[in-house]
Amino acid sequence: MSKKHSRTKGLAIPVGLIERRIYLIRGQKVMLDADLAELYQVQTKTLNQAVRRNLHRFSADFMFQLTPDEASGLSHKL
């Protein structure tokens, strides 16, 4: 069994759990880095580091940083 396969074997995540973590911001469906990190069972810092190190693998609009107003408005929904 490959290393990749064995790591993902235990990551069956219910669709509803993922759907509840999708937000509509700036007219785009997005997930917060903290939610993605939790789903992948890694620290948020580790997830962001991996993305920064591999930017060439992602489209230019893959991620963006929330404004303070957006973050504040989102925290009321959490």
N, C-alpha and C. Protein backbone atom coordinates (compact mmCIF):
# COMPACT_ATOMS: atom_id res chain seq x y z
N MET A 1 0.85 -1.17 0.00
CA MET A 1 0.00 0.00 0.00
C MET A 1 0.90 1.23 0.00
N SER A 2 0.60 2.18 -0.84
CA SER A 2 1.43 3.38 -0.94
C SER A 2 1.21 4.27 0.28
N LYS A 3 2.21 5.09 0.56
CA LYS A 3 2.13 6.01 1.68
C LYS A 3 0.96 6.98 1.51
N LYS A 4 0.77 7.47 0.29
CA LYS A 4 -0.30 8.43 0.03
C LYS A 4 -1.67 7.79 0.32
N HIS A 5 -1.86 6.57 -0.13
CA HIS A 5 -3.14 5.91 0.06
C HIS A 5 -3.41 5.66 1.54
N SER A 6 -2.41 5.24 2.28
CA SER A 6 -2.62 4.94 3.68
C SER A 6 -2.94 6.20 4.49
N ARG A 7 -2.41 7.35 4.09
CA ARG A 7 -2.69 8.60 4.82
C ARG A 7 -4.11 9.07 4.60
N THR A 8 -4.66 8.86 3.42
CA THR A 8 -6.00 9.36 3.12
C THR A 8 -7.08 8.37 3.48
N LYS A 9 -6.72 7.16 3.81
CA LYS A 9 -7.70 6.13 4.10
C LYS A 9 -8.66 6.52 5.22
N GLY A 10 -8.17 7.16 6.28
CA GLY A 10 -9.01 7.51 7.42
C GLY A 10 -9.65 8.88 7.32
N LEU A 11 -9.65 9.51 6.15
CA LEU A 11 -10.17 10.86 6.02
C LEU A 11 -11.56 10.93 5.41
N ALA A 12 -12.41 9.97 5.67
CA ALA A 12 -13.77 10.03 5.16
C ALA A 12 -14.51 11.12 5.94
N ILE A 13 -14.87 12.18 5.25
CA ILE A 13 -15.49 13.34 5.90
C ILE A 13 -16.91 13.48 5.37
N PRO A 14 -17.90 13.54 6.25
CA PRO A 14 -19.28 13.70 5.80
C PRO A 14 -19.45 14.99 5.00
N VAL A 15 -20.18 14.90 3.91
CA VAL A 15 -20.40 16.05 3.03
C VAL A 15 -21.02 17.22 3.79
N GLY A 16 -21.94 16.94 4.67
CA GLY A 16 -22.60 18.00 5.44
C GLY A 16 -21.62 18.81 6.27
N LEU A 17 -20.60 18.15 6.80
CA LEU A 17 -19.59 18.84 7.58
C LEU A 17 -18.82 19.83 6.71
N ILE A 18 -18.52 19.43 5.51
CA ILE A 18 -17.82 20.32 4.58
C ILE A 18 -18.73 21.46 4.14
N GLU A 19 -19.97 21.14 3.80
CA GLU A 19 -20.91 22.16 3.32
C GLU A 19 -21.13 23.27 4.35
N ARG A 20 -21.15 22.92 5.64
CA ARG A 20 -21.35 23.92 6.69
C ARG A 20 -20.16 24.86 6.84
N ARG A 21 -19.04 24.50 6.25
CA ARG A 21 -17.83 25.32 6.37
C ARG A 21 -17.54 26.11 5.10
N ILE A 22 -18.48 26.15 4.21
CA ILE A 22 -18.34 26.93 2.97
C ILE A 22 -19.13 28.22 3.16
N TYR A 23 -18.46 29.33 2.93
CA TYR A 23 -19.07 30.65 3.09
C TYR A 23 -19.07 31.38 1.76
N LEU A 24 -20.01 32.30 1.60
CA LEU A 24 -20.06 33.13 0.40
C LEU A 24 -19.45 34.49 0.77
N ILE A 25 -18.27 34.76 0.22
CA ILE A 25 -17.56 36.00 0.49
C ILE A 25 -17.12 36.58 -0.85
N ARG A 26 -17.41 37.86 -1.06
CA ARG A 26 -17.08 38.54 -2.32
C ARG A 26 -17.65 37.79 -3.52
N GLY A 27 -18.80 37.19 -3.32
CA GLY A 27 -19.45 36.47 -4.40
C GLY A 27 -18.80 35.14 -4.74
N GLN A 28 -17.89 34.66 -3.90
CA GLN A 28 -17.22 33.39 -4.15
C GLN A 28 -17.46 32.45 -2.98
N LYS A 29 -17.59 31.17 -3.28
CA LYS A 29 -17.68 30.17 -2.23
C LYS A 29 -16.27 29.89 -1.74
N VAL A 30 -16.06 30.04 -0.42
CA VAL A 30 -14.72 29.88 0.15
C VAL A 30 -14.78 29.04 1.42
N MET A 31 -13.62 28.50 1.77
CA MET A 31 -13.44 27.83 3.06
C MET A 31 -12.29 28.53 3.76
N LEU A 32 -12.40 28.65 5.06
CA LEU A 32 -11.34 29.27 5.85
C LEU A 32 -10.16 28.31 6.01
N ASP A 33 -8.98 28.88 6.07
CA ASP A 33 -7.79 28.05 6.23
C ASP A 33 -7.86 27.20 7.49
N ALA A 34 -8.41 27.73 8.56
CA ALA A 34 -8.51 26.97 9.81
C ALA A 34 -9.43 25.76 9.64
N ASP A 35 -10.52 25.94 8.89
CA ASP A 35 -11.43 24.82 8.64
C ASP A 35 -10.78 23.75 7.77
N LEU A 36 -10.08 24.17 6.73
CA LEU A 36 -9.37 23.21 5.88
C LEU A 36 -8.30 22.46 6.67
N ALA A 37 -7.57 23.18 7.48
CA ALA A 37 -6.53 22.54 8.29
C ALA A 37 -7.14 21.50 9.22
N GLU A 38 -8.25 21.84 9.82
CA GLU A 38 -8.91 20.88 10.71
C GLU A 38 -9.37 19.64 9.94
N LEU A 39 -9.93 19.84 8.76
CA LEU A 39 -10.38 18.70 7.96
C LEU A 39 -9.21 17.80 7.56
N TYR A 40 -8.07 18.41 7.26
CA TYR A 40 -6.88 17.63 6.87
C TYR A 40 -6.03 17.22 8.07
N GLN A 41 -6.47 17.59 9.25
CA GLN A 41 -5.81 17.22 10.50
C GLN A 41 -4.36 17.71 10.56
N VAL A 42 -4.18 18.98 10.20
CA VAL A 42 -2.88 19.64 10.30
C VAL A 42 -3.09 21.00 10.96
N GLN A 43 -2.01 21.62 11.39
CA GLN A 43 -2.12 22.96 11.96
C GLN A 43 -2.37 23.96 10.82
N THR A 44 -3.08 25.04 11.13
CA THR A 44 -3.35 26.07 10.13
C THR A 44 -2.05 26.63 9.58
N LYS A 45 -1.08 26.85 10.45
CA LYS A 45 0.23 27.35 10.03
C LYS A 45 0.88 26.41 9.01
N THR A 46 0.77 25.12 9.24
CA THR A 46 1.36 24.13 8.34
C THR A 46 0.67 24.15 6.97
N LEU A 47 -0.65 24.26 6.97
CA LEU A 47 -1.40 24.33 5.71
C LEU A 47 -0.99 25.56 4.91
N ASN A 48 -0.96 26.72 5.56
CA ASN A 48 -0.58 27.95 4.87
C ASN A 48 0.85 27.90 4.35
N GLN A 49 1.74 27.30 5.11
CA GLN A 49 3.13 27.14 4.68
C GLN A 49 3.21 26.29 3.42
N ALA A 50 2.46 25.20 3.40
CA ALA A 50 2.47 24.31 2.25
C ALA A 50 1.95 25.02 1.00
N VAL A 51 0.90 25.81 1.17
CA VAL A 51 0.35 26.55 0.02
C VAL A 51 1.38 27.57 -0.48
N ARG A 52 1.99 28.32 0.42
CA ARG A 52 2.99 29.32 0.01
C ARG A 52 4.17 28.67 -0.72
N ARG A 53 4.57 27.51 -0.26
CA ARG A 53 5.71 26.81 -0.89
C ARG A 53 5.36 26.23 -2.25
N ASN A 54 4.07 26.10 -2.52
CA ASN A 54 3.63 25.47 -3.77
C ASN A 54 2.69 26.36 -4.56
N LEU A 55 2.89 27.66 -4.50
CA LEU A 55 1.99 28.60 -5.19
C LEU A 55 1.86 28.30 -6.68
N HIS A 56 2.90 27.77 -7.27
CA HIS A 56 2.86 27.46 -8.71
C HIS A 56 1.81 26.39 -9.05
N ARG A 57 1.33 25.68 -8.07
CA ARG A 57 0.32 24.63 -8.30
C ARG A 57 -1.12 25.17 -8.21
N PHE A 58 -1.27 26.42 -7.81
CA PHE A 58 -2.60 26.99 -7.59
C PHE A 58 -2.84 28.15 -8.54
N SER A 59 -4.12 28.36 -8.87
CA SER A 59 -4.47 29.51 -9.69
C SER A 59 -4.29 30.79 -8.87
N ALA A 60 -4.17 31.91 -9.56
CA ALA A 60 -3.93 33.19 -8.89
C ALA A 60 -5.05 33.56 -7.92
N ASP A 61 -6.26 33.08 -8.19
CA ASP A 61 -7.39 33.43 -7.32
C ASP A 61 -7.72 32.32 -6.31
N PHE A 62 -6.76 31.45 -6.04
CA PHE A 62 -6.98 30.33 -5.13
C PHE A 62 -7.28 30.79 -3.71
N MET A 63 -6.60 31.84 -3.25
CA MET A 63 -6.83 32.30 -1.89
C MET A 63 -6.73 33.81 -1.81
N PHE A 64 -7.35 34.35 -0.78
CA PHE A 64 -7.24 35.77 -0.49
C PHE A 64 -7.41 35.97 1.00
N GLN A 65 -6.99 37.12 1.48
CA GLN A 65 -7.09 37.42 2.90
C GLN A 65 -8.34 38.27 3.14
N LEU A 66 -9.06 37.93 4.19
CA LEU A 66 -10.26 38.68 4.54
C LEU A 66 -9.89 40.05 5.08
N THR A 67 -10.74 41.02 4.79
CA THR A 67 -10.59 42.34 5.41
C THR A 67 -11.06 42.22 6.86
N PRO A 68 -10.69 43.16 7.71
CA PRO A 68 -11.18 43.11 9.10
C PRO A 68 -12.72 43.08 9.18
N ASP A 69 -13.40 43.84 8.32
CA ASP A 69 -14.86 43.84 8.32
C ASP A 69 -15.42 42.47 7.93
N GLU A 70 -14.81 41.84 6.91
CA GLU A 70 -15.27 40.51 6.48
C GLU A 70 -15.06 39.49 7.60
N ALA A 71 -13.91 39.55 8.24
CA ALA A 71 -13.62 38.61 9.33
C ALA A 71 -14.57 38.81 10.49
N SER A 72 -14.84 40.06 10.81
CA SER A 72 -15.76 40.38 11.89
C SER A 72 -17.17 39.87 11.59
N GLY A 73 -17.62 40.10 10.38
CA GLY A 73 -18.94 39.64 9.97
C GLY A 73 -19.05 38.13 9.96
N LEU A 74 -17.97 37.48 9.62
CA LEU A 74 -17.95 36.04 9.57
C LEU A 74 -17.96 35.44 10.97
N SER A 75 -17.28 36.08 11.90
CA SER A 75 -17.21 35.54 13.27
C SER A 75 -18.59 35.49 13.92
N HIS A 76 -19.51 36.34 13.47
CA HIS A 76 -20.86 36.32 14.03
C HIS A 76 -21.63 35.08 13.56
N LYS A 77 -21.22 34.50 12.43
CA LYS A 77 -21.89 33.31 11.90
C LYS A 77 -21.33 32.03 12.49
N LEU A 78 -20.16 32.11 13.08
CA LEU A 78 -19.50 30.90 13.59
C LEU A 78 -20.07 30.47 14.88
